[in-house]
Protein backbone atom coordinates (compact mmCIF):
# COMPACT_ATOMS: atom_id res chain seq x y z
CA MET A 1 -0.22 -0.12 0.10
CA ILE A 2 1.79 3.49 -1.05
CA GLU A 3 1.59 6.02 1.79
CA ILE A 4 0.60 9.40 0.99
CA PRO A 5 3.37 11.88 3.02
CA LYS A 6 2.01 14.04 5.42
CA TYR A 7 3.25 17.64 5.68
CA VAL A 8 3.53 19.14 9.10
CA PRO A 9 3.23 23.27 9.23
CA ASP A 10 7.32 23.87 9.25
CA GLN A 11 7.34 21.66 6.41
CA LEU A 12 4.75 23.70 4.37
CA LEU A 13 6.34 27.28 5.14
CA ILE A 14 9.42 25.94 3.84
CA LYS A 15 7.80 24.91 0.30
CA LYS A 16 5.85 27.99 0.03
CA GLU A 17 9.25 30.33 1.26
CA HIS A 18 11.12 28.04 -1.87
CA TYR A 19 8.08 29.40 -4.15
CA ALA A 20 8.09 32.90 -2.87
CA ILE A 21 11.71 33.19 -3.44
CA GLY A 22 11.79 31.49 -6.81
CA LEU A 23 9.16 33.89 -8.11
CA LEU A 24 10.82 36.56 -6.41
CA TRP A 25 14.39 36.13 -7.80
CA LEU A 26 12.55 35.29 -11.59
CA PHE A 27 10.90 38.73 -11.70
CA GLN A 28 14.63 40.69 -10.53
CA ILE A 29 16.81 38.68 -12.84
CA SER A 30 14.56 38.94 -15.56
CA ALA A 31 13.90 42.64 -14.91
CA ILE A 32 17.81 43.20 -14.48
CA ILE A 33 18.70 41.56 -18.10
CA GLY A 34 15.68 43.25 -20.24
CA ILE A 35 16.43 46.41 -18.95
CA ALA A 36 20.39 45.95 -19.73
CA PHE A 37 19.97 44.52 -22.95
CA GLY A 38 17.68 47.56 -23.96
CA PHE A 39 14.20 46.70 -23.08
CA GLN A 40 14.07 49.74 -20.14
CA ASP A 41 10.62 51.30 -20.99
CA TRP A 42 8.56 48.00 -21.18
CA PHE A 43 10.33 46.70 -17.84
CA ILE A 44 10.42 49.57 -16.03
CA LYS A 45 7.01 50.42 -16.91
CA LYS A 46 5.89 47.19 -15.11
CA THR A 47 7.67 48.33 -11.53
CA PRO A 48 4.45 48.84 -9.83
CA ILE A 49 3.59 45.16 -10.68
CA ASN A 50 7.04 43.59 -8.99
CA LEU A 51 6.56 45.92 -6.06
CA LEU A 52 2.64 44.65 -5.63
CA LEU A 53 4.50 41.23 -6.29
CA GLN A 54 6.13 41.60 -3.19
CA VAL A 55 3.64 43.29 -1.05
CA VAL A 56 1.75 39.99 -1.49
CA LEU A 57 4.46 37.70 -1.21
CA LEU A 58 5.13 39.39 2.50
CA PHE A 59 2.14 38.76 3.55
CA TRP A 60 1.67 35.02 2.24
CA VAL A 61 5.35 33.69 3.32
CA PHE A 62 6.21 36.51 6.65
CA PRO A 63 3.46 35.59 7.43
CA ILE A 64 1.15 38.87 7.65
CA LYS A 65 -2.03 36.94 8.85
CA ASN A 66 -2.88 37.82 12.39
CA GLN A 67 -4.50 41.55 13.66
CA LYS A 68 -1.63 42.85 14.89
CA GLN A 69 0.63 42.27 11.99
CA ILE A 70 -1.89 43.85 9.37
CA LEU A 71 -2.15 47.28 11.94
CA VAL A 72 1.61 47.59 12.00
CA PHE A 73 2.17 47.26 8.21
CA LEU A 74 -0.57 49.36 7.84
CA LEU A 75 0.89 51.80 10.18
CA LEU A 76 4.54 51.79 8.61
CA PHE A 77 2.46 52.20 5.49
CA VAL A 78 0.76 55.68 6.85
CA ILE A 79 4.57 56.64 8.40
CA GLY A 80 5.91 55.91 5.00
CA MET A 81 3.36 57.74 3.48
CA THR A 82 3.06 60.88 5.41
CA ALA A 83 7.01 61.54 5.54
CA GLU A 84 6.77 60.99 1.51
CA ILE A 85 3.55 63.77 1.44
CA ILE A 86 5.16 66.33 3.78
CA GLY A 87 8.50 65.70 1.71
CA VAL A 88 7.15 66.71 -1.59
CA ALA A 89 4.86 69.17 -0.79
CA THR A 90 7.73 70.91 1.65
CA GLY A 91 11.17 69.93 1.22
CA PHE A 92 11.34 68.26 4.55
CA PRO A 93 12.44 65.76 5.85
CA PHE A 94 14.45 64.83 2.16
CA GLY A 95 15.04 67.54 0.44
CA GLU A 96 13.38 68.37 -2.73
CA TYR A 97 12.29 66.04 -4.74
CA LEU A 98 8.84 65.16 -6.87
CA TYR A 99 7.72 61.51 -8.25
CA GLY A 100 7.36 60.47 -11.62
CA ASN A 101 5.31 58.22 -13.53
CA ASN A 102 6.48 54.83 -13.17
CA LEU A 103 5.76 53.90 -9.29
CA GLY A 104 1.80 53.79 -9.95
CA PRO A 105 -1.52 55.74 -8.87
CA LYS A 106 -0.58 58.70 -6.27
CA LEU A 107 -2.42 60.41 -3.07
CA MET A 108 -1.18 63.68 -2.56
CA GLU A 109 1.40 63.20 -5.25
CA VAL A 110 2.71 60.46 -3.78
CA PRO A 111 2.82 56.83 -5.40
CA LEU A 112 1.05 54.50 -2.35
CA LEU A 113 3.34 51.53 -3.68
CA ILE A 114 6.10 54.20 -1.89
CA GLY A 115 4.00 53.50 1.59
CA CYS A 116 3.97 49.89 0.77
CA ASN A 117 7.83 49.38 0.02
CA TRP A 118 8.46 51.42 3.42
CA ALA A 119 6.51 48.71 5.11
CA VAL A 120 8.47 45.49 3.04
CA LEU A 121 11.52 47.31 4.29
CA VAL A 122 10.99 47.39 7.68
CA PHE A 123 9.33 43.92 7.86
CA CYS A 124 12.01 42.46 6.13
CA GLY A 125 14.65 44.59 7.74
CA ALA A 126 13.45 43.72 11.06
CA ALA A 127 13.00 40.07 10.35
CA ILE A 128 17.68 40.05 9.13
CA ALA A 129 18.09 42.11 12.25
CA ASN A 130 16.69 39.73 14.83
CA ARG A 131 18.58 37.06 13.18
CA LEU A 132 21.78 39.13 14.01
CA PHE A 133 20.83 41.08 17.29
CA SER A 134 18.63 40.87 20.90
CA ASN A 135 19.50 44.11 21.83
CA ILE A 136 16.53 46.56 20.34
CA TRP A 137 18.74 49.68 19.97
CA MET A 138 21.09 47.41 17.76
CA LYS A 139 18.05 46.53 15.60
CA SER A 140 17.06 49.62 15.10
CA PHE A 141 20.31 51.25 14.32
CA PHE A 142 20.87 48.09 12.02
CA GLY A 143 17.20 48.38 10.29
CA GLY A 144 17.90 52.19 9.46
CA ALA A 145 21.69 51.23 8.10
CA LEU A 146 19.98 48.49 5.65
CA MET A 147 17.41 51.83 4.32
CA VAL A 148 20.25 53.75 3.59
CA LEU A 149 22.61 51.11 1.78
CA LEU A 150 19.45 50.07 -0.43
CA ASP A 151 18.78 54.24 -1.22
CA VAL A 152 22.13 54.89 -1.98
CA PRO A 153 22.00 52.55 -5.78
CA MET A 154 18.49 53.89 -5.79
CA GLU A 155 18.81 57.27 -5.87
CA ILE A 156 21.58 56.83 -8.80
CA LEU A 157 18.77 54.98 -10.87
CA ALA A 158 15.48 57.34 -9.50
CA SER A 159 15.56 59.37 -12.10
CA PHE A 160 16.87 57.38 -14.91
CA PHE A 161 14.00 55.37 -14.17
CA ASP A 162 11.37 58.06 -13.86
CA PHE A 163 10.43 57.59 -9.90
CA TRP A 164 11.69 60.41 -8.43
CA ALA A 165 14.11 62.97 -8.78
CA PHE A 166 15.78 65.89 -6.24
CA THR A 167 16.00 69.75 -8.19
CA GLY A 168 20.17 68.73 -7.80
CA PRO A 169 22.10 66.06 -6.10
CA PRO A 170 20.30 63.91 -3.18
CA PRO A 171 21.21 65.68 -0.49
CA ILE A 172 22.97 64.46 2.71
CA GLN A 173 19.69 65.19 4.63
CA ASN A 174 17.79 62.87 2.54
CA TYR A 175 20.16 59.62 3.76
CA LEU A 176 20.17 61.14 7.49
CA SER A 177 16.32 60.88 7.08
CA TRP A 178 16.09 57.17 5.38
CA PHE A 179 18.06 56.46 8.34
CA THR A 180 16.43 58.25 11.19
CA ILE A 181 12.76 57.29 9.89
CA GLY A 182 14.14 54.04 9.27
CA ALA A 183 15.06 52.99 12.80
CA GLY A 184 12.37 55.24 13.96
CA MET A 185 10.08 52.60 12.04
CA HIS A 186 12.25 49.62 13.01
CA PHE A 187 12.01 50.43 16.40
CA VAL A 188 8.25 50.29 16.55
CA PHE A 189 8.24 46.76 15.11
CA HIS A 190 10.63 45.55 18.05
CA SER A 191 8.67 47.09 20.27
CA LEU A 192 5.69 45.10 19.37
CA LYS A 193 7.71 41.55 18.91
CA LEU A 194 7.28 40.62 16.11
CA LYS A 195 8.41 37.78 13.87
CA GLY A 196 9.02 36.34 10.94
CA THR A 197 10.80 34.50 8.42
CA PHE A 198 14.65 35.27 7.78
CA SER A 199 14.80 33.29 4.66
CA PHE A 200 12.22 35.15 2.85
CA SER A 201 12.99 38.84 4.35
CA PHE A 202 16.93 38.26 3.35
CA ASN A 203 16.27 37.20 -0.16
CA LEU A 204 13.39 40.22 -1.63
CA TYR A 205 15.59 42.75 0.75
CA LEU A 206 18.89 41.57 -1.49
CA ALA A 207 17.08 41.01 -4.61
CA GLN A 208 15.89 44.81 -4.40
CA PHE A 209 19.55 45.57 -3.43
CA LEU A 210 21.13 43.49 -6.49
CA PHE A 211 18.40 45.12 -8.81
CA PHE A 212 19.57 49.02 -8.24
CA ALA A 213 23.08 47.83 -7.68
CA VAL A 214 23.72 45.86 -10.61
CA LEU A 215 21.91 48.05 -12.87
CA ALA A 216 23.96 51.12 -11.25
CA PHE A 217 26.82 49.70 -12.58
CA LEU A 218 25.91 48.40 -15.89
CA LEU A 219 24.06 51.69 -16.63
């Protein structure tokens, strides 16, 4: 008699992670190759789909499934959107900049997916920090540093991709603000003692970083 294997919850989670990570890298590598070989317009205009996919995969695999996790995601989304809306309107805290047309629908001149991306990066950065540190201040500092590290190659390509553009070179206050706001958002996350999967979080962060870093080098 043939026995059908039974999967325990941990095995199912690992299987979900593998599918999600594979899909994540498929999109990122395809975009890098496509843009590098001259299909910039087609791939860059699909950026909202890629960012939305990352949100969906985060909810599925992290996972974000209970009320507390959902409320924290919404809180981080609101904080990110508020900072960006104030920034676009006043030039504080990031400097003088405007968003372009390749990041999807906007609220008060700020793409909604930017707010989502703030939340996604905090959830992923926090899961990475949880693996490395136990002290909440070190976790938050490290999370803020991850935000700035990602922002550096992003700023190189942002205007080229029509994501956003500063009136001049990105000012130092932009990076200081990314660190300060990012570290604060990580502190909120860790204060509430949320947990998530390290493997998927690390891959999502790395995929975003390498997408911008590789293309910044090639272009």
